[in-house]
Amino acid sequence: MDKKPRWLRKKVSLNSKNINEVKNILNNSNLHTVCQSAKCPNIFECFSKKTATFMLMGDICTRNCAFCGVESGNPKSLDREEPGKIAEAVKKMGLKYIVLTSVTRDDLDDGGARHFASTVTEIKRVIPESKIECLIPDFKGRIESLKIFLRCDVDVLNHNLETVKRNYPSVRKNANYEVSINILKCAKEIKPKIITKSGFMLGLGENRNEIIKLLSDLDGVNCDILTIGQYLRPAADNISVKKYYTPEEFDEIKSTAQSFKFKEVVSGIFVRSSYHAAETLEKIEAGA
C-alpha cells in the first residue's frame, strides 16, 4: 500500500530561524537525534519549537527492525563526553523537558544503562529543575541493567512495544514481546513512583482483538502513558504499510484505550513517542 490518503498531509507553521539554530547546535556538538535518524514526520515542527529527541550512543543500531529508519550495523565505541555535550546543548536550547533515547546497543554488557544514567545525571546537574524522559531499549531483558539505569533521577521511563505480539517475528525479529512487557512491569516494582510510558504503531496488519490484548497487557503492568500513531514507511527497504487508519479510527481506538486505567492516552496519525511529551506529563501532574 503505497498511495497515501489525503489526511496524511500535514500543515504546520514553521520558524526557520529556530530550525536552523537547532541544527547548528546539534551539528556543532556532533550529536544525534532520533528526529533525523529515524526520519520522523514531525522533525520540522519540533525543531521549529526548539525541541528535539536526543539519540545516545551513536546513530548505528545493533538490531535491524523492519519498521525503523535508523541504520543498522556495527556501532562505534561510546563517546564518554556525550553526556556533557548533551547537557550543554540542552542549556543552549533552553529546554526544561528533555527526551533521551538511543540506538540499541546489544554489544555493551549493560546495554548502555550506565551511559543513559550518566546523561540524565549530567543534565540534572546543569539544569536541576529539568524534567527528563528516557525512551530506553530492552537491555536484552537484563533487570540488573534496568536497576542501574533507574538509580538516576529520571522522571519518565518510556519503552515502546511498537506493535502487537503476533508481528514481532516480522517487525521486531530480535526483540521479544514478553521481555518488553516485563521491563515496564519491573520498572514499577523497582521504582513505584516513576511514570511509565509505552507506545505502538497502527498499520502493520494488526486486528482489533490484538490491539485490545496489547492494551490489556500494558494496563496489567500499570503503564501510565500510552502513545498511538500511524506507521509510515521511512524507506523502500522497510516493511510496507498494511493500512492507513483514518482520524476517526484513531479517535475510536483512543476511546477504547481510555476504558483502561492509563492516566493519559495520546492517539493520532502523526503521534510519536516524544510528541508533546512535556504537555502530557503536565496534564498528569496537574491531575495528581
C-alpha atoms as a PDB file:
ATOM      1  CA  MET A   1       0.000   0.000   0.000  1.00  0.00           C
ATOM      2  CA  ASP A   2       1.973   2.977  -1.306  1.00  0.00           C
ATOM      3  CA  LYS A   3      -0.658   5.594  -2.146  1.00  0.00           C
ATOM      4  CA  LYS A   4      -1.101   7.878   0.851  1.00  0.00           C
ATOM      5  CA  PRO A   5      -4.554   9.228   1.714  1.00  0.00           C
ATOM      6  CA  ARG A   6      -5.327  12.947   1.819  1.00  0.00           C
ATOM      7  CA  TRP A   7      -5.381  13.094   5.634  1.00  0.00           C
ATOM      8  CA  LEU A   8      -1.649  12.388   5.753  1.00  0.00           C
ATOM      9  CA  ARG A   9      -0.909  15.897   4.545  1.00  0.00           C
ATOM     10  CA  LYS A  10       0.455  17.894   7.433  1.00  0.00           C
ATOM     11  CA  LYS A  11       0.439  21.669   7.630  1.00  0.00           C
ATOM     12  CA  VAL A  12       2.409  23.382  10.371  1.00  0.00           C
ATOM     13  CA  SER A  13       3.630  26.909  10.985  1.00  0.00           C
ATOM     14  CA  LEU A  14       7.417  26.794  10.976  1.00  0.00           C
ATOM     15  CA  ASN A  15      10.044  29.091  12.448  1.00  0.00           C
ATOM     16  CA  SER A  16      13.032  28.677  10.127  1.00  0.00           C
ATOM     17  CA  LYS A  17      15.297  30.638  12.494  1.00  0.00           C
ATOM     18  CA  ASN A  18      14.682  28.110  15.273  1.00  0.00           C
ATOM     19  CA  ILE A  19      15.092  25.159  12.890  1.00  0.00           C
ATOM     20  CA  ASN A  20      18.484  26.416  11.752  1.00  0.00           C
ATOM     21  CA  GLU A  21      19.542  27.164  15.326  1.00  0.00           C
ATOM     22  CA  VAL A  22      18.713  23.640  16.497  1.00  0.00           C
ATOM     23  CA  LYS A  23      20.505  22.099  13.510  1.00  0.00           C
ATOM     24  CA  ASN A  24      23.594  24.214  14.184  1.00  0.00           C
ATOM     25  CA  ILE A  25      23.695  23.276  17.885  1.00  0.00           C
ATOM     26  CA  LEU A  26      23.409  19.578  17.030  1.00  0.00           C
ATOM     27  CA  ASN A  27      25.982  19.711  14.239  1.00  0.00           C
ATOM     28  CA  ASN A  28      28.495  21.742  16.222  1.00  0.00           C
ATOM     29  CA  SER A  29      28.211  19.326  19.154  1.00  0.00           C
ATOM     30  CA  ASN A  30      28.320  16.219  16.920  1.00  0.00           C
ATOM     31  CA  LEU A  31      25.093  14.971  18.488  1.00  0.00           C
ATOM     32  CA  HIS A  32      22.376  12.761  17.002  1.00  0.00           C
ATOM     33  CA  THR A  33      18.603  12.972  17.210  1.00  0.00           C
ATOM     34  CA  VAL A  34      16.039  10.286  16.533  1.00  0.00           C
ATOM     35  CA  CYS A  35      14.166  13.011  14.659  1.00  0.00           C
ATOM     36  CA  GLN A  36      16.827  12.951  11.949  1.00  0.00           C
ATOM     37  CA  SER A  37      17.996   9.334  12.094  1.00  0.00           C
ATOM     38  CA  ALA A  38      14.520   7.780  12.116  1.00  0.00           C
ATOM     39  CA  LYS A  39      13.122  10.277   9.573  1.00  0.00           C
ATOM     40  CA  CYS A  40      10.346  11.457  11.907  1.00  0.00           C
ATOM     41  CA  PRO A  41       7.489  13.301  10.132  1.00  0.00           C
ATOM     42  CA  ASN A  42       7.366  15.847  12.969  1.00  0.00           C
ATOM     43  CA  ILE A  43      11.007  16.908  12.711  1.00  0.00           C
ATOM     44  CA  PHE A  44      10.487  20.427  11.370  1.00  0.00           C
ATOM     45  CA  GLU A  45       7.573  21.112  13.692  1.00  0.00           C
ATOM     46  CA  CYS A  46       9.648  20.104  16.715  1.00  0.00           C
ATOM     47  CA  PHE A  47      12.839  21.853  15.584  1.00  0.00           C
ATOM     48  CA  SER A  48      10.721  24.937  14.927  1.00  0.00           C
ATOM     49  CA  LYS A  49       9.743  24.876  18.604  1.00  0.00           C
ATOM     50  CA  LYS A  50      13.385  24.313  19.580  1.00  0.00           C
ATOM     51  CA  THR A  51      12.788  20.783  20.814  1.00  0.00           C
ATOM     52  CA  ALA A  52      14.442  17.522  19.792  1.00  0.00           C
ATOM     53  CA  THR A  53      14.806  13.953  20.997  1.00  0.00           C
ATOM     54  CA  PHE A  54      18.482  13.246  21.587  1.00  0.00           C
ATOM     55  CA  MET A  55      19.714   9.832  20.499  1.00  0.00           C
ATOM     56  CA  LEU A  56      22.528   8.478  22.661  1.00  0.00           C
ATOM     57  CA  MET A  57      25.401   6.152  21.811  1.00  0.00           C
ATOM     58  CA  GLY A  58      25.726   6.945  18.119  1.00  0.00           C
ATOM     59  CA  ASP A  59      23.420   6.532  15.145  1.00  0.00           C
ATOM     60  CA  ILE A  60      24.083   2.882  14.252  1.00  0.00           C
ATOM     61  CA  CYS A  61      21.878   0.221  15.841  1.00  0.00           C
ATOM     62  CA  THR A  62      22.873  -3.381  16.553  1.00  0.00           C
ATOM     63  CA  ARG A  63      19.369  -4.500  15.577  1.00  0.00           C
ATOM     64  CA  ASN A  64      17.516  -4.168  12.299  1.00  0.00           C
ATOM     65  CA  CYS A  65      13.791  -3.767  12.982  1.00  0.00           C
ATOM     66  CA  ALA A  66      11.728  -3.853   9.804  1.00  0.00           C
ATOM     67  CA  PHE A  67       9.873  -0.610  10.569  1.00  0.00           C
ATOM     68  CA  CYS A  68      12.817   1.545  11.625  1.00  0.00           C
ATOM     69  CA  GLY A  69      14.731   4.119   9.607  1.00  0.00           C
ATOM     70  CA  VAL A  70      17.849   4.059  11.814  1.00  0.00           C
ATOM     71  CA  GLU A  71      20.925   2.498  10.205  1.00  0.00           C
ATOM     72  CA  SER A  72      21.905  -0.982  11.374  1.00  0.00           C
ATOM     73  CA  GLY A  73      25.444  -2.310  11.713  1.00  0.00           C
ATOM     74  CA  ASN A  74      28.458  -2.246  14.000  1.00  0.00           C
ATOM     75  CA  PRO A  75      28.396   0.871  16.201  1.00  0.00           C
ATOM     76  CA  LYS A  76      31.413   2.869  17.300  1.00  0.00           C
ATOM     77  CA  SER A  77      32.772   2.989  20.839  1.00  0.00           C
ATOM     78  CA  LEU A  78      30.861   5.134  23.308  1.00  0.00           C
ATOM     79  CA  ASP A  79      31.671   8.832  23.406  1.00  0.00           C
ATOM     80  CA  ARG A  80      32.344   9.359  27.111  1.00  0.00           C
ATOM     81  CA  GLU A  81      31.940  13.118  26.612  1.00  0.00           C
ATOM     82  CA  GLU A  82      28.439  12.750  25.170  1.00  0.00           C
ATOM     83  CA  PRO A  83      26.564  13.319  28.476  1.00  0.00           C
ATOM     84  CA  GLY A  84      28.315  16.654  28.903  1.00  0.00           C
ATOM     85  CA  LYS A  85      27.744  17.629  25.262  1.00  0.00           C
ATOM     86  CA  ILE A  86      24.037  16.896  25.549  1.00  0.00           C
ATOM     87  CA  ALA A  87      23.733  18.840  28.800  1.00  0.00           C
ATOM     88  CA  GLU A  88      25.408  21.828  27.140  1.00  0.00           C
ATOM     89  CA  ALA A  89      23.161  21.565  24.066  1.00  0.00           C
ATOM     90  CA  VAL A  90      20.079  21.366  26.275  1.00  0.00           C
ATOM     91  CA  LYS A  91      21.210  24.510  28.085  1.00  0.00           C
ATOM     92  CA  LYS A  92      21.786  26.380  24.803  1.00  0.00           C
ATOM     93  CA  MET A  93      18.349  25.358  23.532  1.00  0.00           C
ATOM     94  CA  GLY A  94      16.715  26.477  26.775  1.00  0.00           C
ATOM     95  CA  LEU A  95      14.947  23.162  27.306  1.00  0.00           C
ATOM     96  CA  LYS A  96      13.176  22.333  30.542  1.00  0.00           C
ATOM     97  CA  TYR A  97      11.771  18.997  29.334  1.00  0.00           C
ATOM     98  CA  ILE A  98      14.299  16.707  27.697  1.00  0.00           C
ATOM     99  CA  VAL A  99      13.674  13.445  25.877  1.00  0.00           C
ATOM    100  CA  LEU A 100      16.544  10.995  25.508  1.00  0.00           C
ATOM    101  CA  THR A 101      16.552   7.787  23.517  1.00  0.00           C
ATOM    102  CA  SER A 102      19.232   5.601  21.986  1.00  0.00           C
ATOM    103  CA  VAL A 103      20.057   3.044  19.388  1.00  0.00           C
ATOM    104  CA  THR A 104      20.004  -0.492  20.748  1.00  0.00           C
ATOM    105  CA  ARG A 105      23.498  -1.468  21.870  1.00  0.00           C
ATOM    106  CA  ASP A 106      23.482  -5.247  22.304  1.00  0.00           C
ATOM    107  CA  ASP A 107      27.282  -5.092  22.097  1.00  0.00           C
ATOM    108  CA  LEU A 108      27.513  -3.450  25.537  1.00  0.00           C
ATOM    109  CA  ASP A 109      27.368  -5.550  28.706  1.00  0.00           C
ATOM    110  CA  ASP A 110      24.737  -3.260  30.254  1.00  0.00           C
ATOM    111  CA  GLY A 111      23.011  -2.284  27.014  1.00  0.00           C
ATOM    112  CA  GLY A 112      24.001   1.325  27.636  1.00  0.00           C
ATOM    113  CA  ALA A 113      22.241   1.662  31.002  1.00  0.00           C
ATOM    114  CA  ARG A 114      25.171   3.448  32.655  1.00  0.00           C
ATOM    115  CA  HIS A 115      25.511   5.847  29.733  1.00  0.00           C
ATOM    116  CA  PHE A 116      21.815   6.713  29.968  1.00  0.00           C
ATOM    117  CA  ALA A 117      22.143   7.280  33.717  1.00  0.00           C
ATOM    118  CA  SER A 118      25.260   9.430  33.294  1.00  0.00           C
ATOM    119  CA  THR A 119      23.490  11.626  30.755  1.00  0.00           C
ATOM    120  CA  VAL A 120      20.447  12.124  32.981  1.00  0.00           C
ATOM    121  CA  THR A 121      22.691  12.954  35.947  1.00  0.00           C
ATOM    122  CA  GLU A 122      24.715  15.477  33.949  1.00  0.00           C
ATOM    123  CA  ILE A 123      21.626  17.251  32.632  1.00  0.00           C
ATOM    124  CA  LYS A 124      20.148  17.441  36.135  1.00  0.00           C
ATOM    125  CA  ARG A 125      23.438  18.864  37.394  1.00  0.00           C
ATOM    126  CA  VAL A 126      23.391  21.617  34.768  1.00  0.00           C
ATOM    127  CA  ILE A 127      19.609  22.216  34.869  1.00  0.00           C
ATOM    128  CA  PRO A 128      18.339  20.960  38.260  1.00  0.00           C
ATOM    129  CA  GLU A 129      14.734  21.941  37.577  1.00  0.00           C
ATOM    130  CA  SER A 130      14.556  19.979  34.301  1.00  0.00           C
ATOM    131  CA  LYS A 131      12.278  17.021  33.651  1.00  0.00           C
ATOM    132  CA  ILE A 132      13.759  14.106  31.725  1.00  0.00           C
ATOM    133  CA  GLU A 133      12.047  11.332  29.803  1.00  0.00           C
ATOM    134  CA  CYS A 134      14.075   8.344  28.598  1.00  0.00           C
ATOM    135  CA  LEU A 135      12.921   6.031  25.831  1.00  0.00           C
ATOM    136  CA  ILE A 136      15.050   3.009  26.638  1.00  0.00           C
ATOM    137  CA  PRO A 137      15.840  -0.228  24.753  1.00  0.00           C
ATOM    138  CA  ASP A 138      15.034  -3.577  26.352  1.00  0.00           C
ATOM    139  CA  PHE A 139      18.588  -4.123  27.710  1.00  0.00           C
ATOM    140  CA  LYS A 140      18.156  -7.717  26.450  1.00  0.00           C
ATOM    141  CA  GLY A 141      15.753  -8.189  29.329  1.00  0.00           C
ATOM    142  CA  ARG A 142      18.523  -7.813  31.924  1.00  0.00           C
ATOM    143  CA  ILE A 143      16.833  -6.429  35.021  1.00  0.00           C
ATOM    144  CA  GLU A 144      20.213  -5.628  36.587  1.00  0.00           C
ATOM    145  CA  SER A 145      20.803  -3.156  33.741  1.00  0.00           C
ATOM    146  CA  LEU A 146      17.353  -1.682  34.346  1.00  0.00           C
ATOM    147  CA  LYS A 147      18.231  -1.256  38.033  1.00  0.00           C
ATOM    148  CA  ILE A 148      21.459   0.536  37.088  1.00  0.00           C
ATOM    149  CA  PHE A 149      19.528   2.931  34.895  1.00  0.00           C
ATOM    150  CA  LEU A 150      16.813   3.572  37.470  1.00  0.00           C
ATOM    151  CA  ARG A 151      19.352   4.804  40.021  1.00  0.00           C
ATOM    152  CA  CYS A 152      19.384   8.116  38.160  1.00  0.00           C
ATOM    153  CA  ASP A 153      16.777  10.838  38.670  1.00  0.00           C
ATOM    154  CA  VAL A 154      14.732  10.146  35.539  1.00  0.00           C
ATOM    155  CA  ASP A 155      11.136  11.403  35.558  1.00  0.00           C
ATOM    156  CA  VAL A 156       9.518   9.272  32.831  1.00  0.00           C
ATOM    157  CA  LEU A 157      10.596   5.826  31.664  1.00  0.00           C
ATOM    158  CA  ASN A 158       9.373   5.031  28.162  1.00  0.00           C
ATOM    159  CA  HIS A 159       9.708   1.658  26.498  1.00  0.00           C
ATOM    160  CA  ASN A 160       7.698   1.037  23.347  1.00  0.00           C
ATOM    161  CA  LEU A 161       6.005  -2.220  22.417  1.00  0.00           C
ATOM    162  CA  GLU A 162       5.813  -0.837  18.842  1.00  0.00           C
ATOM    163  CA  THR A 163       3.324  -3.444  17.586  1.00  0.00           C
ATOM    164  CA  VAL A 164       1.124  -6.361  18.606  1.00  0.00           C
ATOM    165  CA  LYS A 165       2.679  -9.636  19.736  1.00  0.00           C
ATOM    166  CA  ARG A 166       1.979 -11.579  16.515  1.00  0.00           C
ATOM    167  CA  ASN A 167       4.012  -9.101  14.490  1.00  0.00           C
ATOM    168  CA  TYR A 168       7.239  -9.422  16.458  1.00  0.00           C
ATOM    169  CA  PRO A 169       8.890 -12.106  14.266  1.00  0.00           C
ATOM    170  CA  SER A 170       8.413  -9.978  11.135  1.00  0.00           C
ATOM    171  CA  VAL A 171       8.571  -6.444  12.563  1.00  0.00           C
ATOM    172  CA  ARG A 172      10.903  -6.786  15.585  1.00  0.00           C
ATOM    173  CA  LYS A 173      12.644 -10.091  14.953  1.00  0.00           C
ATOM    174  CA  ASN A 174      15.405  -9.565  17.552  1.00  0.00           C
ATOM    175  CA  ALA A 175      13.032  -8.328  20.253  1.00  0.00           C
ATOM    176  CA  ASN A 176      10.596 -10.178  22.481  1.00  0.00           C
ATOM    177  CA  TYR A 177       7.105  -9.019  23.428  1.00  0.00           C
ATOM    178  CA  GLU A 178       7.181 -10.554  26.907  1.00  0.00           C
ATOM    179  CA  VAL A 179      10.615  -9.075  27.612  1.00  0.00           C
ATOM    180  CA  SER A 180       9.321  -5.598  26.802  1.00  0.00           C
ATOM    181  CA  ILE A 181       6.242  -6.046  28.980  1.00  0.00           C
ATOM    182  CA  ASN A 182       8.485  -7.259  31.797  1.00  0.00           C
ATOM    183  CA  ILE A 183      10.752  -4.196  31.514  1.00  0.00           C
ATOM    184  CA  LEU A 184       7.737  -1.964  32.172  1.00  0.00           C
ATOM    185  CA  LYS A 185       6.496  -4.227  34.963  1.00  0.00           C
ATOM    186  CA  CYS A 186       9.846  -4.337  36.744  1.00  0.00           C
ATOM    187  CA  ALA A 187      10.376  -0.582  36.388  1.00  0.00           C
ATOM    188  CA  LYS A 188       7.280  -0.018  38.536  1.00  0.00           C
ATOM    189  CA  GLU A 189       8.384  -2.642  41.038  1.00  0.00           C
ATOM    190  CA  ILE A 190      11.872  -1.166  41.373  1.00  0.00           C
ATOM    191  CA  LYS A 191      10.755   2.477  41.421  1.00  0.00           C
ATOM    192  CA  PRO A 192       6.995   2.578  42.178  1.00  0.00           C
ATOM    193  CA  LYS A 193       6.597   6.342  41.789  1.00  0.00           C
ATOM    194  CA  ILE A 194       8.145   6.570  38.346  1.00  0.00           C
ATOM    195  CA  ILE A 195       5.881   7.454  35.434  1.00  0.00           C
ATOM    196  CA  THR A 196       5.988   4.708  32.799  1.00  0.00           C
ATOM    197  CA  LYS A 197       5.079   5.112  29.169  1.00  0.00           C
ATOM    198  CA  SER A 198       4.768   2.952  26.074  1.00  0.00           C
ATOM    199  CA  GLY A 199       3.556   3.243  22.527  1.00  0.00           C
ATOM    200  CA  PHE A 200       2.671   1.317  19.415  1.00  0.00           C
ATOM    201  CA  MET A 201       2.014   1.857  15.728  1.00  0.00           C
ATOM    202  CA  LEU A 202      -1.057   1.074  13.691  1.00  0.00           C
ATOM    203  CA  GLY A 203      -0.912  -0.051  10.080  1.00  0.00           C
ATOM    204  CA  LEU A 204       1.184  -3.201  10.392  1.00  0.00           C
ATOM    205  CA  GLY A 205      -1.610  -5.720   9.878  1.00  0.00           C
ATOM    206  CA  GLU A 206      -2.909  -5.861  13.454  1.00  0.00           C
ATOM    207  CA  ASN A 207      -6.573  -6.613  14.181  1.00  0.00           C
ATOM    208  CA  ARG A 208      -8.873  -5.197  16.863  1.00  0.00           C
ATOM    209  CA  ASN A 209      -8.597  -8.170  19.210  1.00  0.00           C
ATOM    210  CA  GLU A 210      -4.808  -7.963  19.080  1.00  0.00           C
ATOM    211  CA  ILE A 211      -4.923  -4.238  19.849  1.00  0.00           C
ATOM    212  CA  ILE A 212      -7.169  -4.851  22.848  1.00  0.00           C
ATOM    213  CA  LYS A 213      -4.825  -7.589  24.103  1.00  0.00           C
ATOM    214  CA  LEU A 214      -1.873  -5.189  23.827  1.00  0.00           C
ATOM    215  CA  LEU A 215      -3.830  -2.524  25.746  1.00  0.00           C
ATOM    216  CA  SER A 216      -4.738  -5.076  28.395  1.00  0.00           C
ATOM    217  CA  ASP A 217      -1.123  -6.206  28.754  1.00  0.00           C
ATOM    218  CA  LEU A 218       0.095  -2.622  29.246  1.00  0.00           C
ATOM    219  CA  ASP A 219      -2.746  -1.917  31.648  1.00  0.00           C
ATOM    220  CA  GLY A 220      -1.742  -5.027  33.593  1.00  0.00           C
ATOM    221  CA  VAL A 221       1.734  -3.627  34.311  1.00  0.00           C
ATOM    222  CA  ASN A 222       0.341  -0.220  35.365  1.00  0.00           C
ATOM    223  CA  CYS A 223       1.666   1.719  32.375  1.00  0.00           C
ATOM    224  CA  ASP A 224       0.748   5.393  32.887  1.00  0.00           C
ATOM    225  CA  ILE A 225       1.032   6.979  29.432  1.00  0.00           C
ATOM    226  CA  LEU A 226       0.195   5.466  26.051  1.00  0.00           C
ATOM    227  CA  THR A 227       1.004   6.845  22.596  1.00  0.00           C
ATOM    228  CA  ILE A 228      -0.583   5.515  19.403  1.00  0.00           C
ATOM    229  CA  GLY A 229       0.468   6.604  15.910  1.00  0.00           C
ATOM    230  CA  GLN A 230       0.321   5.615  12.265  1.00  0.00           C
ATOM    231  CA  TYR A 231       3.228   3.604  10.876  1.00  0.00           C
ATOM    232  CA  LEU A 232       4.781   5.460   7.953  1.00  0.00           C
ATOM    233  CA  ARG A 233       7.365   3.636   5.877  1.00  0.00           C
ATOM    234  CA  PRO A 234      10.669   5.523   6.224  1.00  0.00           C
ATOM    235  CA  ALA A 235      12.335   3.922   3.170  1.00  0.00           C
ATOM    236  CA  ALA A 236      11.652   1.435   0.384  1.00  0.00           C
ATOM    237  CA  ASP A 237      13.529  -1.365   2.164  1.00  0.00           C
ATOM    238  CA  ASN A 238      11.346  -1.077   5.280  1.00  0.00           C
ATOM    239  CA  ILE A 239       8.207  -3.127   5.796  1.00  0.00           C
ATOM    240  CA  SER A 240       5.220  -1.834   3.829  1.00  0.00           C
ATOM    241  CA  VAL A 241       2.168  -0.159   5.323  1.00  0.00           C
ATOM    242  CA  LYS A 242      -0.749  -2.575   5.515  1.00  0.00           C
ATOM    243  CA  LYS A 243      -3.369   0.069   6.309  1.00  0.00           C
ATOM    244  CA  TYR A 244      -3.711   3.822   6.725  1.00  0.00           C
ATOM    245  CA  TYR A 245      -6.080   4.455   9.619  1.00  0.00           C
ATOM    246  CA  THR A 246      -8.477   7.395   9.381  1.00  0.00           C
ATOM    247  CA  PRO A 247      -8.586  10.155  12.017  1.00  0.00           C
ATOM    248  CA  GLU A 248     -11.950   8.752  13.106  1.00  0.00           C
ATOM    249  CA  GLU A 249     -10.430   5.313  13.651  1.00  0.00           C
ATOM    250  CA  PHE A 250      -7.686   6.849  15.773  1.00  0.00           C
ATOM    251  CA  ASP A 251     -10.351   8.554  17.880  1.00  0.00           C
ATOM    252  CA  GLU A 252     -12.202   5.256  18.298  1.00  0.00           C
ATOM    253  CA  ILE A 253      -9.053   3.395  19.344  1.00  0.00           C
ATOM    254  CA  LYS A 254      -8.206   6.195  21.763  1.00  0.00           C
ATOM    255  CA  SER A 255     -11.661   5.837  23.304  1.00  0.00           C
ATOM    256  CA  THR A 256     -11.086   2.106  23.709  1.00  0.00           C
ATOM    257  CA  ALA A 257      -7.696   2.735  25.349  1.00  0.00           C
ATOM    258  CA  GLN A 258      -9.269   5.245  27.741  1.00  0.00           C
ATOM    259  CA  SER A 259     -11.536   2.492  29.065  1.00  0.00           C
ATOM    260  CA  PHE A 260      -8.422   1.043  30.697  1.00  0.00           C
ATOM    261  CA  LYS A 261      -6.503   2.640  33.584  1.00  0.00           C
ATOM    262  CA  PHE A 262      -3.994   4.736  31.613  1.00  0.00           C
ATOM    263  CA  LYS A 263      -3.528   8.203  33.047  1.00  0.00           C
ATOM    264  CA  GLU A 264      -3.133   9.726  29.594  1.00  0.00           C
ATOM    265  CA  VAL A 265      -3.624   8.437  26.040  1.00  0.00           C
ATOM    266  CA  VAL A 266      -2.229  10.335  23.056  1.00  0.00           C
ATOM    267  CA  SER A 267      -3.556   8.988  19.766  1.00  0.00           C
ATOM    268  CA  GLY A 268      -3.266  10.368  16.252  1.00  0.00           C
ATOM    269  CA  ILE A 269      -1.770   9.839  12.820  1.00  0.00           C
ATOM    270  CA  PHE A 270       1.434  11.784  13.485  1.00  0.00           C
ATOM    271  CA  VAL A 271       1.794  10.889  17.171  1.00  0.00           C
ATOM    272  CA  ARG A 272       5.239   9.578  18.082  1.00  0.00           C
ATOM    273  CA  SER A 273       6.778   8.655  21.451  1.00  0.00           C
ATOM    274  CA  SER A 274       8.054  12.111  22.319  1.00  0.00           C
ATOM    275  CA  TYR A 275       5.383  14.153  20.541  1.00  0.00           C
ATOM    276  CA  HIS A 276       4.053  16.773  23.006  1.00  0.00           C
ATOM    277  CA  ALA A 277       5.685  14.767  25.790  1.00  0.00           C
ATOM    278  CA  ALA A 278       6.054  17.738  28.138  1.00  0.00           C
ATOM    279  CA  GLU A 279       2.387  18.673  27.827  1.00  0.00           C
ATOM    280  CA  THR A 280       1.361  15.084  28.517  1.00  0.00           C
ATOM    281  CA  LEU A 281       3.318  14.940  31.777  1.00  0.00           C
ATOM    282  CA  GLU A 282       1.953  18.352  32.794  1.00  0.00           C
ATOM    283  CA  LYS A 283      -1.611  17.015  32.424  1.00  0.00           C
ATOM    284  CA  ILE A 284      -0.813  14.049  34.647  1.00  0.00           C
ATOM    285  CA  GLU A 285       0.862  16.174  37.305  1.00  0.00           C
ATOM    286  CA  ALA A 286      -2.000  18.678  37.239  1.00  0.00           C
ATOM    287  CA  GLY A 287      -4.474  15.878  37.890  1.00  0.00           C
ATOM    288  CA  ALA A 288      -2.435  14.214  40.634  1.00  0.00           C
END
